[in-house]
Amino acid sequence: MTEDDKYALKEFLRAVGVTAGVLIIFGIICLVIISFSTDGDKPLNSSLFEVVDKYKECDIVRYAPHQAAEYKYFLYCEKNK
């Protein structure tokens, strides 16, 4: 094995190590972002529904599909048994 081959092997291994390190750091950052964006108990899409008021015995619920500026409202009345 010549000196040129040893130098090329060192450069290749260094590049592989740097690439692996960057990918690992990117993966950790993605996991941290995902863990902060979820609330544990609440499913991801539960923020689409929000109780904004009451009418008699019912909740007025606002629904925002796809976090758009368009809102839809409906009444949610729990049946008493």
N, C-alpha and C. Protein backbone atom coordinates (compact mmCIF):
# COMPACT_ATOMS: atom_id res chain seq x y z
N MET A 1 0.86 -1.17 0.00
CA MET A 1 0.00 0.00 0.00
C MET A 1 0.90 1.23 0.00
N THR A 2 0.70 2.09 -0.96
CA THR A 2 1.56 3.27 -1.09
C THR A 2 1.03 4.40 -0.21
N GLU A 3 1.84 5.43 -0.12
CA GLU A 3 1.46 6.60 0.68
C GLU A 3 0.21 7.27 0.10
N ASP A 4 0.10 7.30 -1.21
CA ASP A 4 -1.08 7.90 -1.84
C ASP A 4 -2.35 7.13 -1.49
N ASP A 5 -2.23 5.79 -1.46
CA ASP A 5 -3.38 4.96 -1.10
C ASP A 5 -3.78 5.19 0.36
N LYS A 6 -2.79 5.30 1.25
CA LYS A 6 -3.08 5.54 2.67
C LYS A 6 -3.75 6.91 2.85
N TYR A 7 -3.25 7.90 2.13
CA TYR A 7 -3.83 9.24 2.23
C TYR A 7 -5.27 9.24 1.70
N ALA A 8 -5.50 8.55 0.59
CA ALA A 8 -6.85 8.48 0.02
C ALA A 8 -7.81 7.75 0.97
N LEU A 9 -7.32 6.68 1.61
CA LEU A 9 -8.15 5.94 2.55
C LEU A 9 -8.50 6.82 3.76
N LYS A 10 -7.53 7.57 4.28
CA LYS A 10 -7.78 8.47 5.41
C LYS A 10 -8.82 9.53 5.04
N GLU A 11 -8.69 10.11 3.86
CA GLU A 11 -9.65 11.13 3.41
C GLU A 11 -11.05 10.53 3.23
N PHE A 12 -11.12 9.32 2.70
CA PHE A 12 -12.41 8.67 2.51
C PHE A 12 -13.07 8.39 3.87
N LEU A 13 -12.30 7.84 4.80
CA LEU A 13 -12.85 7.54 6.12
C LEU A 13 -13.26 8.81 6.86
N ARG A 14 -12.49 9.88 6.69
CA ARG A 14 -12.84 11.16 7.30
C ARG A 14 -14.17 11.67 6.73
N ALA A 15 -14.34 11.56 5.42
CA ALA A 15 -15.58 12.01 4.78
C ALA A 15 -16.77 11.17 5.24
N VAL A 16 -16.57 9.86 5.36
CA VAL A 16 -17.64 9.00 5.84
C VAL A 16 -18.01 9.37 7.28
N GLY A 17 -17.02 9.63 8.12
CA GLY A 17 -17.27 10.00 9.51
C GLY A 17 -18.01 11.32 9.63
N VAL A 18 -17.61 12.31 8.85
CA VAL A 18 -18.27 13.61 8.89
C VAL A 18 -19.71 13.48 8.41
N THR A 19 -19.93 12.73 7.34
CA THR A 19 -21.28 12.54 6.82
C THR A 19 -22.17 11.83 7.84
N ALA A 20 -21.64 10.80 8.47
CA ALA A 20 -22.40 10.07 9.48
C ALA A 20 -22.72 11.00 10.66
N GLY A 21 -21.75 11.80 11.07
CA GLY A 21 -21.98 12.73 12.17
C GLY A 21 -23.05 13.75 11.85
N VAL A 22 -23.02 14.30 10.64
CA VAL A 22 -24.04 15.27 10.24
C VAL A 22 -25.42 14.62 10.21
N LEU A 23 -25.52 13.40 9.68
CA LEU A 23 -26.80 12.71 9.63
C LEU A 23 -27.33 12.40 11.03
N ILE A 24 -26.47 12.02 11.94
CA ILE A 24 -26.88 11.73 13.31
C ILE A 24 -27.38 13.00 13.99
N ILE A 25 -26.66 14.10 13.83
CA ILE A 25 -27.08 15.37 14.43
C ILE A 25 -28.42 15.81 13.83
N PHE A 26 -28.59 15.68 12.52
CA PHE A 26 -29.85 16.02 11.87
C PHE A 26 -31.00 15.17 12.42
N GLY A 27 -30.76 13.88 12.61
CA GLY A 27 -31.78 12.99 13.16
C GLY A 27 -32.17 13.37 14.58
N ILE A 28 -31.19 13.73 15.40
CA ILE A 28 -31.47 14.14 16.78
C ILE A 28 -32.30 15.42 16.78
N ILE A 29 -31.95 16.37 15.93
CA ILE A 29 -32.72 17.62 15.85
C ILE A 29 -34.15 17.33 15.43
N CYS A 30 -34.35 16.44 14.46
CA CYS A 30 -35.70 16.09 14.03
C CYS A 30 -36.49 15.45 15.16
N LEU A 31 -35.88 14.56 15.91
CA LEU A 31 -36.57 13.92 17.02
C LEU A 31 -36.96 14.93 18.10
N VAL A 32 -36.08 15.89 18.38
CA VAL A 32 -36.38 16.91 19.38
C VAL A 32 -37.55 17.78 18.92
N ILE A 33 -37.55 18.17 17.66
CA ILE A 33 -38.64 19.00 17.12
C ILE A 33 -39.96 18.23 17.18
N ILE A 34 -39.95 16.96 16.81
CA ILE A 34 -41.17 16.16 16.84
C ILE A 34 -41.66 15.99 18.28
N SER A 35 -40.76 15.78 19.22
CA SER A 35 -41.19 15.58 20.61
C SER A 35 -41.76 16.86 21.20
N PHE A 36 -41.28 18.03 20.80
CA PHE A 36 -41.85 19.28 21.31
C PHE A 36 -43.16 19.64 20.62
N SER A 37 -43.40 19.14 19.41
CA SER A 37 -44.62 19.48 18.69
C SER A 37 -45.80 18.64 19.13
N THR A 38 -45.60 17.56 19.86
CA THR A 38 -46.70 16.75 20.36
C THR A 38 -46.86 16.99 21.85
N ASP A 39 -48.09 16.85 22.33
CA ASP A 39 -48.39 17.11 23.74
C ASP A 39 -48.56 15.84 24.56
N GLY A 40 -48.12 14.74 24.10
CA GLY A 40 -48.21 13.51 24.86
C GLY A 40 -49.63 12.95 24.93
N ASP A 41 -50.51 13.58 25.72
CA ASP A 41 -51.87 13.09 25.91
C ASP A 41 -52.77 13.45 24.73
N LYS A 42 -52.53 14.58 24.09
CA LYS A 42 -53.39 15.03 23.01
C LYS A 42 -52.89 14.50 21.67
N PRO A 43 -53.80 14.01 20.83
CA PRO A 43 -53.37 13.64 19.48
C PRO A 43 -53.01 14.88 18.68
N LEU A 44 -52.25 14.70 17.60
CA LEU A 44 -51.77 15.83 16.82
C LEU A 44 -52.89 16.68 16.26
N ASN A 45 -54.01 16.08 15.87
CA ASN A 45 -55.05 16.86 15.22
C ASN A 45 -56.08 17.43 16.20
N SER A 46 -55.89 17.26 17.52
CA SER A 46 -56.86 17.78 18.47
C SER A 46 -56.85 19.30 18.52
N SER A 47 -55.82 19.94 18.03
CA SER A 47 -55.79 21.39 18.01
C SER A 47 -56.70 21.96 16.93
N LEU A 48 -57.26 21.10 16.08
CA LEU A 48 -58.19 21.56 15.06
C LEU A 48 -59.53 21.94 15.67
N PHE A 49 -59.84 21.41 16.84
CA PHE A 49 -61.11 21.67 17.51
C PHE A 49 -60.86 22.46 18.79
N GLU A 50 -61.67 23.49 19.02
CA GLU A 50 -61.50 24.29 20.22
C GLU A 50 -62.88 24.75 20.71
N VAL A 51 -63.15 24.53 21.99
CA VAL A 51 -64.40 25.01 22.58
C VAL A 51 -64.23 26.50 22.84
N VAL A 52 -65.09 27.30 22.21
CA VAL A 52 -64.92 28.76 22.30
C VAL A 52 -66.00 29.43 23.15
N ASP A 53 -67.13 28.75 23.38
CA ASP A 53 -68.21 29.36 24.15
C ASP A 53 -69.22 28.29 24.54
N LYS A 54 -70.28 28.70 25.22
CA LYS A 54 -71.36 27.80 25.60
C LYS A 54 -72.67 28.42 25.16
N TYR A 55 -73.63 27.56 24.80
CA TYR A 55 -74.98 27.98 24.49
C TYR A 55 -75.91 27.00 25.19
N LYS A 56 -76.64 27.50 26.18
CA LYS A 56 -77.48 26.67 27.03
C LYS A 56 -76.64 25.53 27.60
N GLU A 57 -76.96 24.29 27.26
CA GLU A 57 -76.22 23.13 27.79
C GLU A 57 -75.16 22.61 26.82
N CYS A 58 -74.90 23.34 25.74
CA CYS A 58 -74.02 22.85 24.68
C CYS A 58 -72.73 23.68 24.60
N ASP A 59 -71.70 23.05 24.08
CA ASP A 59 -70.45 23.74 23.79
C ASP A 59 -70.48 24.23 22.35
N ILE A 60 -69.98 25.43 22.12
CA ILE A 60 -69.77 25.93 20.77
C ILE A 60 -68.33 25.60 20.41
N VAL A 61 -68.17 24.78 19.39
CA VAL A 61 -66.85 24.28 19.00
C VAL A 61 -66.45 24.93 17.68
N ARG A 62 -65.20 25.40 17.66
CA ARG A 62 -64.65 25.96 16.43
C ARG A 62 -63.73 24.91 15.80
N TYR A 63 -63.94 24.69 14.52
CA TYR A 63 -63.15 23.73 13.76
C TYR A 63 -62.36 24.49 12.70
N ALA A 64 -61.04 24.31 12.71
CA ALA A 64 -60.16 24.98 11.74
C ALA A 64 -59.46 23.91 10.92
N PRO A 65 -60.01 23.55 9.76
CA PRO A 65 -59.36 22.51 8.96
C PRO A 65 -58.03 22.99 8.40
N HIS A 66 -57.03 22.19 8.59
CA HIS A 66 -55.68 22.45 8.05
C HIS A 66 -55.12 23.78 8.52
N GLN A 67 -55.47 24.23 9.70
CA GLN A 67 -54.96 25.48 10.28
C GLN A 67 -55.16 26.66 9.33
N ALA A 68 -56.23 26.64 8.57
CA ALA A 68 -56.51 27.71 7.62
C ALA A 68 -57.22 28.86 8.34
N ALA A 69 -57.39 29.96 7.66
CA ALA A 69 -58.08 31.12 8.24
C ALA A 69 -59.59 30.93 8.18
N GLU A 70 -60.05 29.84 7.63
CA GLU A 70 -61.48 29.56 7.53
C GLU A 70 -61.89 28.73 8.74
N TYR A 71 -62.91 29.19 9.47
CA TYR A 71 -63.39 28.48 10.64
C TYR A 71 -64.80 27.97 10.38
N LYS A 72 -65.13 26.85 10.99
CA LYS A 72 -66.48 26.30 10.97
C LYS A 72 -66.88 26.10 12.43
N TYR A 73 -68.11 26.43 12.75
CA TYR A 73 -68.61 26.31 14.12
C TYR A 73 -69.75 25.31 14.16
N PHE A 74 -69.82 24.59 15.28
CA PHE A 74 -70.94 23.68 15.49
C PHE A 74 -71.19 23.54 16.98
N LEU A 75 -72.38 23.05 17.31
CA LEU A 75 -72.74 22.83 18.71
C LEU A 75 -72.48 21.38 19.06
N TYR A 76 -71.95 21.18 20.25
CA TYR A 76 -71.76 19.83 20.76
C TYR A 76 -72.53 19.72 22.06
N CYS A 77 -73.57 18.92 22.05
CA CYS A 77 -74.43 18.75 23.22
C CYS A 77 -74.28 17.32 23.70
N GLU A 78 -73.77 17.14 24.90
CA GLU A 78 -73.61 15.81 25.46
C GLU A 78 -74.96 15.35 25.97
N LYS A 79 -75.34 14.15 25.61
CA LYS A 79 -76.64 13.63 26.03
C LYS A 79 -76.58 13.24 27.50
N ASN A 80 -77.56 13.69 28.26
CA ASN A 80 -77.66 13.32 29.67
C ASN A 80 -78.39 12.00 29.79
N LYS A 81 -77.83 11.10 30.54
CA LYS A 81 -78.46 9.78 30.70
C LYS A 81 -79.02 9.65 32.08
